[in-house]
Amino acid sequence: MVDLKAHIEAAIEYHGSQAKLARAAGCSQQYISLLLQGKTGLSAEKAIDFERATDGKISRSALRPDIFGAAA
Protein backbone atom coordinates (compact mmCIF):
# COMPACT_ATOMS: atom_id res chain seq x y z
CA MET A 1 0.00 0.00 0.00
CA VAL A 2 1.26 3.47 -0.90
CA ASP A 3 1.90 5.90 1.94
CA LEU A 4 0.74 8.94 -0.02
CA LYS A 5 1.05 11.23 3.00
CA ALA A 6 4.75 10.39 3.40
CA HIS A 7 5.42 11.06 -0.29
CA ILE A 8 3.56 14.38 -0.19
CA GLU A 9 5.44 15.37 2.97
CA ALA A 10 8.73 14.58 1.20
CA ALA A 11 7.65 16.73 -1.75
CA ILE A 12 6.78 19.57 0.63
CA GLU A 13 10.18 19.24 2.28
CA TYR A 14 11.81 19.36 -1.16
CA HIS A 15 10.11 22.69 -1.91
CA GLY A 16 10.03 24.14 1.58
CA SER A 17 6.29 24.69 1.93
CA GLN A 18 2.89 23.51 0.78
CA ALA A 19 2.39 26.75 -1.15
CA LYS A 20 5.67 26.38 -3.06
CA LEU A 21 4.92 22.76 -3.89
CA ALA A 22 1.46 23.73 -5.06
CA ARG A 23 2.86 26.40 -7.40
CA ALA A 24 5.42 23.96 -8.81
CA ALA A 25 2.82 21.21 -9.32
CA GLY A 26 0.13 23.49 -10.74
CA CYS A 27 -2.43 23.03 -8.00
CA SER A 28 -3.69 24.85 -4.93
CA GLN A 29 -2.26 24.74 -1.43
CA GLN A 30 -5.70 23.55 -0.32
CA TYR A 31 -5.36 20.51 -2.59
CA ILE A 32 -2.02 19.67 -0.93
CA SER A 33 -3.69 19.96 2.46
CA LEU A 34 -6.54 17.67 1.39
CA LEU A 35 -4.03 15.08 0.16
CA LEU A 36 -2.25 15.16 3.52
CA GLN A 37 -5.56 14.70 5.33
CA GLY A 38 -6.56 11.81 3.08
CA LYS A 39 -9.67 13.68 1.97
CA THR A 40 -8.93 13.50 -1.75
CA GLY A 41 -7.10 11.19 -4.08
CA LEU A 42 -4.24 11.79 -6.44
CA SER A 43 -4.97 11.46 -10.14
CA ALA A 44 -2.50 10.00 -12.60
CA GLU A 45 -2.06 13.46 -14.13
CA LYS A 46 -1.25 15.03 -10.77
CA ALA A 47 1.18 12.20 -9.98
CA ILE A 48 3.08 13.19 -13.13
CA ASP A 49 2.94 16.85 -12.09
CA PHE A 50 4.37 15.98 -8.66
CA GLU A 51 7.14 13.92 -10.26
CA ARG A 52 8.09 16.88 -12.45
CA ALA A 53 7.79 19.34 -9.56
CA THR A 54 10.25 17.28 -7.50
CA ASP A 55 12.68 16.68 -10.37
CA GLY A 56 11.89 12.97 -10.16
CA LYS A 57 12.63 12.67 -6.42
CA ILE A 58 9.03 11.52 -5.89
CA SER A 59 8.18 9.32 -8.85
CA ARG A 60 4.78 8.78 -10.41
CA SER A 61 5.29 5.07 -9.75
CA ALA A 62 5.76 5.70 -6.04
CA LEU A 63 2.63 7.85 -5.94
CA ARG A 64 0.39 5.67 -8.13
CA PRO A 65 1.82 2.15 -8.50
CA ASP A 66 -1.66 0.93 -9.41
CA ILE A 67 -1.38 2.92 -12.65
CA PHE A 68 2.35 3.24 -13.37
CA GLY A 69 3.67 0.03 -11.80
CA ALA A 70 5.80 -0.37 -8.72
CA ALA A 71 8.75 1.97 -8.28
CA ALA A 72 12.07 0.38 -9.09
C-alpha atoms as a PDB file:
ATOM      1  CA  MET A   1       0.000   0.000   0.000  1.00  0.00           C
ATOM      2  CA  VAL A   2       1.255   3.467  -0.902  1.00  0.00           C
ATOM      3  CA  ASP A   3       1.897   5.899   1.941  1.00  0.00           C
ATOM      4  CA  LEU A   4       0.743   8.936  -0.022  1.00  0.00           C
ATOM      5  CA  LYS A   5       1.053  11.226   2.996  1.00  0.00           C
ATOM      6  CA  ALA A   6       4.752  10.386   3.404  1.00  0.00           C
ATOM      7  CA  HIS A   7       5.417  11.055  -0.290  1.00  0.00           C
ATOM      8  CA  ILE A   8       3.564  14.377  -0.185  1.00  0.00           C
ATOM      9  CA  GLU A   9       5.440  15.370   2.974  1.00  0.00           C
ATOM     10  CA  ALA A  10       8.732  14.576   1.200  1.00  0.00           C
ATOM     11  CA  ALA A  11       7.651  16.726  -1.748  1.00  0.00           C
ATOM     12  CA  ILE A  12       6.779  19.570   0.634  1.00  0.00           C
ATOM     13  CA  GLU A  13      10.182  19.245   2.277  1.00  0.00           C
ATOM     14  CA  TYR A  14      11.814  19.357  -1.164  1.00  0.00           C
ATOM     15  CA  HIS A  15      10.105  22.692  -1.913  1.00  0.00           C
ATOM     16  CA  GLY A  16      10.026  24.139   1.578  1.00  0.00           C
ATOM     17  CA  SER A  17       6.286  24.695   1.933  1.00  0.00           C
ATOM     18  CA  GLN A  18       2.887  23.513   0.775  1.00  0.00           C
ATOM     19  CA  ALA A  19       2.394  26.747  -1.148  1.00  0.00           C
ATOM     20  CA  LYS A  20       5.672  26.383  -3.058  1.00  0.00           C
ATOM     21  CA  LEU A  21       4.924  22.758  -3.894  1.00  0.00           C
ATOM     22  CA  ALA A  22       1.455  23.733  -5.063  1.00  0.00           C
ATOM     23  CA  ARG A  23       2.860  26.397  -7.403  1.00  0.00           C
ATOM     24  CA  ALA A  24       5.420  23.958  -8.808  1.00  0.00           C
ATOM     25  CA  ALA A  25       2.821  21.212  -9.325  1.00  0.00           C
ATOM     26  CA  GLY A  26       0.132  23.492 -10.736  1.00  0.00           C
ATOM     27  CA  CYS A  27      -2.435  23.028  -8.000  1.00  0.00           C
ATOM     28  CA  SER A  28      -3.691  24.851  -4.926  1.00  0.00           C
ATOM     29  CA  GLN A  29      -2.263  24.741  -1.427  1.00  0.00           C
ATOM     30  CA  GLN A  30      -5.699  23.549  -0.321  1.00  0.00           C
ATOM     31  CA  TYR A  31      -5.357  20.511  -2.589  1.00  0.00           C
ATOM     32  CA  ILE A  32      -2.022  19.671  -0.932  1.00  0.00           C
ATOM     33  CA  SER A  33      -3.691  19.959   2.461  1.00  0.00           C
ATOM     34  CA  LEU A  34      -6.541  17.674   1.389  1.00  0.00           C
ATOM     35  CA  LEU A  35      -4.031  15.084   0.159  1.00  0.00           C
ATOM     36  CA  LEU A  36      -2.251  15.160   3.518  1.00  0.00           C
ATOM     37  CA  GLN A  37      -5.558  14.699   5.333  1.00  0.00           C
ATOM     38  CA  GLY A  38      -6.563  11.814   3.080  1.00  0.00           C
ATOM     39  CA  LYS A  39      -9.673  13.682   1.967  1.00  0.00           C
ATOM     40  CA  THR A  40      -8.926  13.496  -1.750  1.00  0.00           C
ATOM     41  CA  GLY A  41      -7.102  11.189  -4.083  1.00  0.00           C
ATOM     42  CA  LEU A  42      -4.237  11.787  -6.438  1.00  0.00           C
ATOM     43  CA  SER A  43      -4.969  11.464 -10.143  1.00  0.00           C
ATOM     44  CA  ALA A  44      -2.499  10.004 -12.605  1.00  0.00           C
ATOM     45  CA  GLU A  45      -2.062  13.458 -14.126  1.00  0.00           C
ATOM     46  CA  LYS A  46      -1.252  15.029 -10.766  1.00  0.00           C
ATOM     47  CA  ALA A  47       1.182  12.198  -9.981  1.00  0.00           C
ATOM     48  CA  ILE A  48       3.077  13.186 -13.128  1.00  0.00           C
ATOM     49  CA  ASP A  49       2.938  16.851 -12.091  1.00  0.00           C
ATOM     50  CA  PHE A  50       4.365  15.978  -8.659  1.00  0.00           C
ATOM     51  CA  GLU A  51       7.138  13.922 -10.261  1.00  0.00           C
ATOM     52  CA  ARG A  52       8.085  16.885 -12.454  1.00  0.00           C
ATOM     53  CA  ALA A  53       7.795  19.341  -9.563  1.00  0.00           C
ATOM     54  CA  THR A  54      10.251  17.285  -7.498  1.00  0.00           C
ATOM     55  CA  ASP A  55      12.681  16.682 -10.371  1.00  0.00           C
ATOM     56  CA  GLY A  56      11.891  12.968 -10.159  1.00  0.00           C
ATOM     57  CA  LYS A  57      12.635  12.674  -6.424  1.00  0.00           C
ATOM     58  CA  ILE A  58       9.032  11.517  -5.891  1.00  0.00           C
ATOM     59  CA  SER A  59       8.184   9.315  -8.851  1.00  0.00           C
ATOM     60  CA  ARG A  60       4.784   8.776 -10.406  1.00  0.00           C
ATOM     61  CA  SER A  61       5.294   5.066  -9.753  1.00  0.00           C
ATOM     62  CA  ALA A  62       5.765   5.702  -6.041  1.00  0.00           C
ATOM     63  CA  LEU A  63       2.634   7.851  -5.935  1.00  0.00           C
ATOM     64  CA  ARG A  64       0.392   5.669  -8.129  1.00  0.00           C
ATOM     65  CA  PRO A  65       1.825   2.151  -8.503  1.00  0.00           C
ATOM     66  CA  ASP A  66      -1.656   0.934  -9.414  1.00  0.00           C
ATOM     67  CA  ILE A  67      -1.378   2.915 -12.645  1.00  0.00           C
ATOM     68  CA  PHE A  68       2.346   3.240 -13.369  1.00  0.00           C
ATOM     69  CA  GLY A  69       3.674   0.031 -11.797  1.00  0.00           C
ATOM     70  CA  ALA A  70       5.803  -0.371  -8.719  1.00  0.00           C
ATOM     71  CA  ALA A  71       8.748   1.972  -8.280  1.00  0.00           C
ATOM     72  CA  ALA A  72      12.075   0.384  -9.087  1.00  0.00           C
END
